[in-house]
Amino acid sequence: MPVENAPEQTADMMDFMAADPDTDFAEAEPAMTGEDFGFLTQKFPGTMAWLGVNDPEHTLHSDKLSPDEASIKPGVAAFIRFFNHRMQ
């Protein structure tokens, strides 16, 4: 199912992440992405974001994917800061 990011929420998230000095943020190129998450964005406003776990040898859904686990903790921390921002 196509993923359609909610424009207002997506812009807020991108602005926050770009301005947050503790977040290593890079804007990804638009892609024709089909994911199960697209079902949710059809029902509720949402934004799909890449965490940047980077495995250049394998695709995202490969059983050989070996993500850089060091990116998970700072990525989760960045989203927590963003969620706190959204709650203000």
PDB file of N, CA and C in Angstrom:
ATOM      1  N   MET A   1       0.849  -1.173   0.000  1.00  0.00           N
ATOM      2  CA  MET A   1       0.000   0.000   0.000  1.00  0.00           C
ATOM      3  C   MET A   1       0.901   1.245   0.000  1.00  0.00           C
ATOM      4  N   PRO A   2       0.535   2.285  -0.744  1.00  0.00           N
ATOM      5  CA  PRO A   2       1.380   3.483  -0.770  1.00  0.00           C
ATOM      6  C   PRO A   2       1.386   4.183   0.577  1.00  0.00           C
ATOM      7  N   VAL A   3       2.531   4.738   0.906  1.00  0.00           N
ATOM      8  CA  VAL A   3       2.678   5.524   2.134  1.00  0.00           C
ATOM      9  C   VAL A   3       2.556   6.992   1.751  1.00  0.00           C
ATOM     10  N   GLU A   4       1.575   7.671   2.330  1.00  0.00           N
ATOM     11  CA  GLU A   4       1.388   9.093   2.081  1.00  0.00           C
ATOM     12  C   GLU A   4       1.565   9.823   3.405  1.00  0.00           C
ATOM     13  N   ASN A   5       2.718  10.499   3.561  1.00  0.00           N
ATOM     14  CA  ASN A   5       2.987  11.236   4.786  1.00  0.00           C
ATOM     15  C   ASN A   5       2.057  12.439   4.913  1.00  0.00           C
ATOM     16  N   ALA A   6       1.581  12.690   6.129  1.00  0.00           N
ATOM     17  CA  ALA A   6       0.737  13.855   6.402  1.00  0.00           C
ATOM     18  C   ALA A   6       1.612  15.109   6.315  1.00  0.00           C
ATOM     19  N   PRO A   7       1.281  16.035   5.426  1.00  0.00           N
ATOM     20  CA  PRO A   7       2.163  17.184   5.186  1.00  0.00           C
ATOM     21  C   PRO A   7       2.506  18.012   6.432  1.00  0.00           C
ATOM     22  N   GLU A   8       1.515  18.373   7.238  1.00  0.00           N
ATOM     23  CA  GLU A   8       1.766  19.240   8.393  1.00  0.00           C
ATOM     24  C   GLU A   8       2.650  18.539   9.433  1.00  0.00           C
ATOM     25  N   GLN A   9       2.316  17.313   9.778  1.00  0.00           N
ATOM     26  CA  GLN A   9       3.081  16.581  10.777  1.00  0.00           C
ATOM     27  C   GLN A   9       4.493  16.263  10.274  1.00  0.00           C
ATOM     28  N   THR A  10       4.594  15.954   8.993  1.00  0.00           N
ATOM     29  CA  THR A  10       5.898  15.635   8.420  1.00  0.00           C
ATOM     30  C   THR A  10       6.802  16.859   8.418  1.00  0.00           C
ATOM     31  N   ALA A  11       6.257  18.009   8.029  1.00  0.00           N
ATOM     32  CA  ALA A  11       7.045  19.243   8.037  1.00  0.00           C
ATOM     33  C   ALA A  11       7.503  19.575   9.450  1.00  0.00           C
ATOM     34  N   ASP A  12       6.626  19.404  10.445  1.00  0.00           N
ATOM     35  CA  ASP A  12       6.998  19.660  11.834  1.00  0.00           C
ATOM     36  C   ASP A  12       8.125  18.735  12.272  1.00  0.00           C
ATOM     37  N   MET A  13       8.018  17.449  11.938  1.00  0.00           N
ATOM     38  CA  MET A  13       9.057  16.494  12.337  1.00  0.00           C
ATOM     39  C   MET A  13      10.391  16.836  11.665  1.00  0.00           C
ATOM     40  N   MET A  14      10.354  17.134  10.377  1.00  0.00           N
ATOM     41  CA  MET A  14      11.594  17.449   9.668  1.00  0.00           C
ATOM     42  C   MET A  14      12.231  18.726  10.199  1.00  0.00           C
ATOM     43  N   ASP A  15      11.426  19.755  10.467  1.00  0.00           N
ATOM     44  CA  ASP A  15      11.953  20.999  11.029  1.00  0.00           C
ATOM     45  C   ASP A  15      12.583  20.751  12.388  1.00  0.00           C
ATOM     46  N   PHE A  16      11.890  19.974  13.230  1.00  0.00           N
ATOM     47  CA  PHE A  16      12.409  19.687  14.571  1.00  0.00           C
ATOM     48  C   PHE A  16      13.731  18.921  14.481  1.00  0.00           C
ATOM     49  N   MET A  17      13.742  17.853  13.713  1.00  0.00           N
ATOM     50  CA  MET A  17      14.949  17.016  13.630  1.00  0.00           C
ATOM     51  C   MET A  17      16.125  17.796  13.053  1.00  0.00           C
ATOM     52  N   ALA A  18      15.884  18.636  12.049  1.00  0.00           N
ATOM     53  CA  ALA A  18      16.962  19.427  11.447  1.00  0.00           C
ATOM     54  C   ALA A  18      17.528  20.441  12.429  1.00  0.00           C
ATOM     55  N   ALA A  19      16.678  20.972  13.309  1.00  0.00           N
ATOM     56  CA  ALA A  19      17.116  21.996  14.263  1.00  0.00           C
ATOM     57  C   ALA A  19      17.671  21.406  15.554  1.00  0.00           C
ATOM     58  N   ASP A  20      17.398  20.147  15.834  1.00  0.00           N
ATOM     59  CA  ASP A  20      17.836  19.518  17.079  1.00  0.00           C
ATOM     60  C   ASP A  20      19.340  19.235  17.018  1.00  0.00           C
ATOM     61  N   PRO A  21      20.129  19.885  17.891  1.00  0.00           N
ATOM     62  CA  PRO A  21      21.580  19.700  17.813  1.00  0.00           C
ATOM     63  C   PRO A  21      22.041  18.287  18.171  1.00  0.00           C
ATOM     64  N   ASP A  22      21.196  17.517  18.829  1.00  0.00           N
ATOM     65  CA  ASP A  22      21.575  16.158  19.227  1.00  0.00           C
ATOM     66  C   ASP A  22      21.147  15.092  18.218  1.00  0.00           C
ATOM     67  N   THR A  23      20.568  15.518  17.098  1.00  0.00           N
ATOM     68  CA  THR A  23      20.090  14.571  16.084  1.00  0.00           C
ATOM     69  C   THR A  23      20.930  14.684  14.826  1.00  0.00           C
ATOM     70  N   ASP A  24      21.401  13.546  14.333  1.00  0.00           N
ATOM     71  CA  ASP A  24      22.110  13.483  13.057  1.00  0.00           C
ATOM     72  C   ASP A  24      21.047  13.265  11.987  1.00  0.00           C
ATOM     73  N   PHE A  25      20.530  14.363  11.431  1.00  0.00           N
ATOM     74  CA  PHE A  25      19.388  14.325  10.524  1.00  0.00           C
ATOM     75  C   PHE A  25      19.834  14.535   9.088  1.00  0.00           C
ATOM     76  N   ALA A  26      19.296  13.739   8.194  1.00  0.00           N
ATOM     77  CA  ALA A  26      19.501  13.926   6.756  1.00  0.00           C
ATOM     78  C   ALA A  26      18.170  13.679   6.065  1.00  0.00           C
ATOM     79  N   GLU A  27      17.828  14.555   5.154  1.00  0.00           N
ATOM     80  CA  GLU A  27      16.576  14.390   4.414  1.00  0.00           C
ATOM     81  C   GLU A  27      16.776  13.345   3.316  1.00  0.00           C
ATOM     82  N   ALA A  28      15.862  12.388   3.259  1.00  0.00           N
ATOM     83  CA  ALA A  28      15.925  11.338   2.240  1.00  0.00           C
ATOM     84  C   ALA A  28      15.205  11.800   0.974  1.00  0.00           C
ATOM     85  N   GLU A  29      15.657  11.291  -0.134  1.00  0.00           N
ATOM     86  CA  GLU A  29      14.988  11.570  -1.400  1.00  0.00           C
ATOM     87  C   GLU A  29      13.601  10.913  -1.389  1.00  0.00           C
ATOM     88  N   PRO A  30      12.598  11.558  -1.977  1.00  0.00           N
ATOM     89  CA  PRO A  30      11.284  10.914  -2.090  1.00  0.00           C
ATOM     90  C   PRO A  30      11.405   9.591  -2.845  1.00  0.00           C
ATOM     91  N   ALA A  31      10.587   8.637  -2.451  1.00  0.00           N
ATOM     92  CA  ALA A  31      10.620   7.321  -3.098  1.00  0.00           C
ATOM     93  C   ALA A  31       9.200   6.805  -3.257  1.00  0.00           C
ATOM     94  N   MET A  32       9.007   5.982  -4.245  1.00  0.00           N
ATOM     95  CA  MET A  32       7.718   5.315  -4.432  1.00  0.00           C
ATOM     96  C   MET A  32       7.714   4.117  -3.489  1.00  0.00           C
ATOM     97  N   THR A  33       7.319   4.369  -2.247  1.00  0.00           N
ATOM     98  CA  THR A  33       7.421   3.361  -1.199  1.00  0.00           C
ATOM     99  C   THR A  33       6.070   2.708  -0.939  1.00  0.00           C
ATOM    100  N   GLY A  34       6.068   1.406  -0.937  1.00  0.00           N
ATOM    101  CA  GLY A  34       4.886   0.649  -0.560  1.00  0.00           C
ATOM    102  C   GLY A  34       5.202  -0.157   0.685  1.00  0.00           C
ATOM    103  N   GLU A  35       4.488   0.061   1.750  1.00  0.00           N
ATOM    104  CA  GLU A  35       4.735  -0.617   3.022  1.00  0.00           C
ATOM    105  C   GLU A  35       3.392  -0.875   3.695  1.00  0.00           C
ATOM    106  N   ASP A  36       3.367  -1.823   4.610  1.00  0.00           N
ATOM    107  CA  ASP A  36       2.158  -2.048   5.406  1.00  0.00           C
ATOM    108  C   ASP A  36       1.782  -0.791   6.181  1.00  0.00           C
ATOM    109  N   PHE A  37       2.777   0.028   6.537  1.00  0.00           N
ATOM    110  CA  PHE A  37       2.523   1.283   7.242  1.00  0.00           C
ATOM    111  C   PHE A  37       1.575   2.178   6.443  1.00  0.00           C
ATOM    112  N   GLY A  38       1.556   2.021   5.125  1.00  0.00           N
ATOM    113  CA  GLY A  38       0.653   2.798   4.280  1.00  0.00           C
ATOM    114  C   GLY A  38      -0.806   2.590   4.650  1.00  0.00           C
ATOM    115  N   PHE A  39      -1.162   1.396   5.141  1.00  0.00           N
ATOM    116  CA  PHE A  39      -2.526   1.149   5.598  1.00  0.00           C
ATOM    117  C   PHE A  39      -2.879   2.107   6.733  1.00  0.00           C
ATOM    118  N   LEU A  40      -1.938   2.304   7.660  1.00  0.00           N
ATOM    119  CA  LEU A  40      -2.197   3.204   8.792  1.00  0.00           C
ATOM    120  C   LEU A  40      -2.310   4.654   8.347  1.00  0.00           C
ATOM    121  N   THR A  41      -1.450   5.076   7.393  1.00  0.00           N
ATOM    122  CA  THR A  41      -1.520   6.473   6.951  1.00  0.00           C
ATOM    123  C   THR A  41      -2.774   6.766   6.139  1.00  0.00           C
ATOM    124  N   GLN A  42      -3.471   5.715   5.693  1.00  0.00           N
ATOM    125  CA  GLN A  42      -4.765   5.903   5.053  1.00  0.00           C
ATOM    126  C   GLN A  42      -5.852   6.171   6.096  1.00  0.00           C
ATOM    127  N   LYS A  43      -5.620   5.731   7.331  1.00  0.00           N
ATOM    128  CA  LYS A  43      -6.609   5.856   8.409  1.00  0.00           C
ATOM    129  C   LYS A  43      -6.317   7.009   9.362  1.00  0.00           C
ATOM    130  N   PHE A  44      -5.013   7.290   9.589  1.00  0.00           N
ATOM    131  CA  PHE A  44      -4.585   8.305  10.554  1.00  0.00           C
ATOM    132  C   PHE A  44      -3.442   9.102   9.954  1.00  0.00           C
ATOM    133  N   PRO A  45      -3.358  10.411  10.241  1.00  0.00           N
ATOM    134  CA  PRO A  45      -2.207  11.181   9.764  1.00  0.00           C
ATOM    135  C   PRO A  45      -0.921  10.605  10.356  1.00  0.00           C
ATOM    136  N   GLY A  46       0.097  10.456   9.554  1.00  0.00           N
ATOM    137  CA  GLY A  46       1.351   9.894  10.043  1.00  0.00           C
ATOM    138  C   GLY A  46       2.508  10.237   9.142  1.00  0.00           C
ATOM    139  N   THR A  47       3.688   9.851   9.588  1.00  0.00           N
ATOM    140  CA  THR A  47       4.919  10.089   8.848  1.00  0.00           C
ATOM    141  C   THR A  47       5.798   8.860   8.951  1.00  0.00           C
ATOM    142  N   MET A  48       6.277   8.411   7.830  1.00  0.00           N
ATOM    143  CA  MET A  48       7.246   7.317   7.819  1.00  0.00           C
ATOM    144  C   MET A  48       8.627   7.923   7.709  1.00  0.00           C
ATOM    145  N   ALA A  49       9.532   7.464   8.569  1.00  0.00           N
ATOM    146  CA  ALA A  49      10.900   7.983   8.566  1.00  0.00           C
ATOM    147  C   ALA A  49      11.875   6.816   8.605  1.00  0.00           C
ATOM    148  N   TRP A  50      13.037   7.008   8.011  1.00  0.00           N
ATOM    149  CA  TRP A  50      14.090   6.004   8.039  1.00  0.00           C
ATOM    150  C   TRP A  50      14.997   6.284   9.229  1.00  0.00           C
ATOM    151  N   LEU A  51      15.348   5.252   9.949  1.00  0.00           N
ATOM    152  CA  LEU A  51      16.213   5.410  11.122  1.00  0.00           C
ATOM    153  C   LEU A  51      17.682   5.451  10.739  1.00  0.00           C
ATOM    154  N   GLY A  52      18.047   4.988   9.593  1.00  0.00           N
ATOM    155  CA  GLY A  52      19.446   5.063   9.161  1.00  0.00           C
ATOM    156  C   GLY A  52      20.313   3.970   9.755  1.00  0.00           C
ATOM    157  N   VAL A  53      19.802   2.753   9.769  1.00  0.00           N
ATOM    158  CA  VAL A  53      20.574   1.642  10.330  1.00  0.00           C
ATOM    159  C   VAL A  53      21.594   1.088   9.334  1.00  0.00           C
ATOM    160  N   ASN A  54      21.562   1.536   8.099  1.00  0.00           N
ATOM    161  CA  ASN A  54      22.571   1.363   7.068  1.00  0.00           C
ATOM    162  C   ASN A  54      23.229  -0.012   6.959  1.00  0.00           C
ATOM    163  N   ASP A  55      22.783  -0.751   6.017  1.00  0.00           N
ATOM    164  CA  ASP A  55      23.458  -1.970   5.578  1.00  0.00           C
ATOM    165  C   ASP A  55      23.501  -1.895   4.058  1.00  0.00           C
ATOM    166  N   PRO A  56      24.594  -1.356   3.494  1.00  0.00           N
ATOM    167  CA  PRO A  56      24.638  -1.129   2.049  1.00  0.00           C
ATOM    168  C   PRO A  56      24.618  -2.407   1.219  1.00  0.00           C
ATOM    169  N   GLU A  57      24.839  -3.554   1.828  1.00  0.00           N
ATOM    170  CA  GLU A  57      24.895  -4.799   1.073  1.00  0.00           C
ATOM    171  C   GLU A  57      23.543  -5.495   0.941  1.00  0.00           C
ATOM    172  N   HIS A  58      22.561  -5.120   1.793  1.00  0.00           N
ATOM    173  CA  HIS A  58      21.285  -5.838   1.791  1.00  0.00           C
ATOM    174  C   HIS A  58      20.116  -4.858   1.825  1.00  0.00           C
ATOM    175  N   THR A  59      19.022  -5.259   1.199  1.00  0.00           N
ATOM    176  CA  THR A  59      17.837  -4.410   1.184  1.00  0.00           C
ATOM    177  C   THR A  59      17.092  -4.514   2.512  1.00  0.00           C
ATOM    178  N   LEU A  60      16.201  -3.574   2.739  1.00  0.00           N
ATOM    179  CA  LEU A  60      15.487  -3.461   4.004  1.00  0.00           C
ATOM    180  C   LEU A  60      14.772  -4.744   4.411  1.00  0.00           C
ATOM    181  N   HIS A  61      14.178  -5.445   3.481  1.00  0.00           N
ATOM    182  CA  HIS A  61      13.396  -6.638   3.820  1.00  0.00           C
ATOM    183  C   HIS A  61      14.161  -7.944   3.595  1.00  0.00           C
ATOM    184  N   SER A  62      15.467  -7.845   3.431  1.00  0.00           N
ATOM    185  CA  SER A  62      16.284  -9.037   3.231  1.00  0.00           C
ATOM    186  C   SER A  62      16.470  -9.785   4.553  1.00  0.00           C
ATOM    187  N   ASP A  63      16.476 -11.099   4.490  1.00  0.00           N
ATOM    188  CA  ASP A  63      16.753 -11.882   5.694  1.00  0.00           C
ATOM    189  C   ASP A  63      18.223 -11.809   6.082  1.00  0.00           C
ATOM    190  N   LYS A  64      19.043 -11.196   5.247  1.00  0.00           N
ATOM    191  CA  LYS A  64      20.461 -11.015   5.539  1.00  0.00           C
ATOM    192  C   LYS A  64      20.776  -9.604   6.041  1.00  0.00           C
ATOM    193  N   LEU A  65      19.764  -8.745   6.155  1.00  0.00           N
ATOM    194  CA  LEU A  65      19.971  -7.374   6.634  1.00  0.00           C
ATOM    195  C   LEU A  65      20.695  -7.397   7.973  1.00  0.00           C
ATOM    196  N   SER A  66      21.746  -6.628   8.066  1.00  0.00           N
ATOM    197  CA  SER A  66      22.520  -6.529   9.297  1.00  0.00           C
ATOM    198  C   SER A  66      22.617  -5.051   9.682  1.00  0.00           C
ATOM    199  N   PRO A  67      21.600  -4.535  10.377  1.00  0.00           N
ATOM    200  CA  PRO A  67      21.572  -3.104  10.678  1.00  0.00           C
ATOM    201  C   PRO A  67      22.658  -2.702  11.666  1.00  0.00           C
ATOM    202  N   ASP A  68      23.077  -1.455  11.559  1.00  0.00           N
ATOM    203  CA  ASP A  68      24.018  -0.887  12.512  1.00  0.00           C
ATOM    204  C   ASP A  68      23.235  -0.576  13.787  1.00  0.00           C
ATOM    205  N   GLU A  69      23.309  -1.460  14.752  1.00  0.00           N
ATOM    206  CA  GLU A  69      22.513  -1.325  15.972  1.00  0.00           C
ATOM    207  C   GLU A  69      22.900  -0.109  16.803  1.00  0.00           C
ATOM    208  N   ALA A  70      24.081   0.451  16.575  1.00  0.00           N
ATOM    209  CA  ALA A  70      24.498   1.645  17.311  1.00  0.00           C
ATOM    210  C   ALA A  70      23.602   2.843  17.005  1.00  0.00           C
ATOM    211  N   SER A  71      22.871   2.804  15.895  1.00  0.00           N
ATOM    212  CA  SER A  71      21.995   3.929  15.535  1.00  0.00           C
ATOM    213  C   SER A  71      20.633   3.856  16.225  1.00  0.00           C
ATOM    214  N   ILE A  72      20.300   2.714  16.812  1.00  0.00           N
ATOM    215  CA  ILE A  72      18.963   2.556  17.380  1.00  0.00           C
ATOM    216  C   ILE A  72      18.756   3.441  18.606  1.00  0.00           C
ATOM    217  N   LYS A  73      19.668   3.413  19.563  1.00  0.00           N
ATOM    218  CA  LYS A  73      19.493   4.203  20.790  1.00  0.00           C
ATOM    219  C   LYS A  73      19.412   5.710  20.507  1.00  0.00           C
ATOM    220  N   PRO A  74      20.333   6.293  19.733  1.00  0.00           N
ATOM    221  CA  PRO A  74      20.183   7.727  19.445  1.00  0.00           C
ATOM    222  C   PRO A  74      18.946   8.033  18.595  1.00  0.00           C
ATOM    223  N   GLY A  75      18.546   7.099  17.734  1.00  0.00           N
ATOM    224  CA  GLY A  75      17.339   7.306  16.932  1.00  0.00           C
ATOM    225  C   GLY A  75      16.099   7.346  17.796  1.00  0.00           C
ATOM    226  N   VAL A  76      15.985   6.414  18.727  1.00  0.00           N
ATOM    227  CA  VAL A  76      14.845   6.401  19.648  1.00  0.00           C
ATOM    228  C   VAL A  76      14.860   7.663  20.504  1.00  0.00           C
ATOM    229  N   ALA A  77      16.031   8.077  20.972  1.00  0.00           N
ATOM    230  CA  ALA A  77      16.134   9.299  21.787  1.00  0.00           C
ATOM    231  C   ALA A  77      15.667  10.516  20.992  1.00  0.00           C
ATOM    232  N   ALA A  78      16.004  10.576  19.699  1.00  0.00           N
ATOM    233  CA  ALA A  78      15.560  11.699  18.862  1.00  0.00           C
ATOM    234  C   ALA A  78      14.048  11.717  18.740  1.00  0.00           C
ATOM    235  N   PHE A  79      13.437  10.551  18.557  1.00  0.00           N
ATOM    236  CA  PHE A  79      11.976  10.506  18.454  1.00  0.00           C
ATOM    237  C   PHE A  79      11.311  10.843  19.785  1.00  0.00           C
ATOM    238  N   ILE A  80      11.912  10.461  20.887  1.00  0.00           N
ATOM    239  CA  ILE A  80      11.358  10.846  22.197  1.00  0.00           C
ATOM    240  C   ILE A  80      11.384  12.363  22.340  1.00  0.00           C
ATOM    241  N   ARG A  81      12.504  12.991  21.961  1.00  0.00           N
ATOM    242  CA  ARG A  81      12.563  14.466  22.021  1.00  0.00           C
ATOM    243  C   ARG A  81      11.495  15.073  21.116  1.00  0.00           C
ATOM    244  N   PHE A  82      11.303  14.506  19.940  1.00  0.00           N
ATOM    245  CA  PHE A  82      10.271  15.019  19.026  1.00  0.00           C
ATOM    246  C   PHE A  82       8.893  14.846  19.618  1.00  0.00           C
ATOM    247  N   PHE A  83       8.594  13.686  20.192  1.00  0.00           N
ATOM    248  CA  PHE A  83       7.271  13.459  20.785  1.00  0.00           C
ATOM    249  C   PHE A  83       7.032  14.425  21.935  1.00  0.00           C
ATOM    250  N   ASN A  84       8.060  14.694  22.742  1.00  0.00           N
ATOM    251  CA  ASN A  84       7.910  15.691  23.815  1.00  0.00           C
ATOM    252  C   ASN A  84       7.616  17.058  23.230  1.00  0.00           C
ATOM    253  N   HIS A  85       8.265  17.413  22.145  1.00  0.00           N
ATOM    254  CA  HIS A  85       7.993  18.665  21.433  1.00  0.00           C
ATOM    255  C   HIS A  85       6.531  18.718  20.982  1.00  0.00           C
ATOM    256  N   ARG A  86       6.034  17.617  20.439  1.00  0.00           N
ATOM    257  CA  ARG A  86       4.637  17.576  19.958  1.00  0.00           C
ATOM    258  C   ARG A  86       3.630  17.700  21.086  1.00  0.00           C
ATOM    259  N   MET A  87       4.007  17.294  22.293  1.00  0.00           N
ATOM    260  CA  MET A  87       3.083  17.323  23.426  1.00  0.00           C
ATOM    261  C   MET A  87       2.991  18.721  24.043  1.00  0.00           C
ATOM    262  N   GLN A  88       3.873  19.635  23.653  1.00  0.00           N
ATOM    263  CA  GLN A  88       3.863  20.985  24.244  1.00  0.00           C
ATOM    264  C   GLN A  88       2.781  21.830  23.629  1.00  0.00           C
TER     265      GLN A  88
END
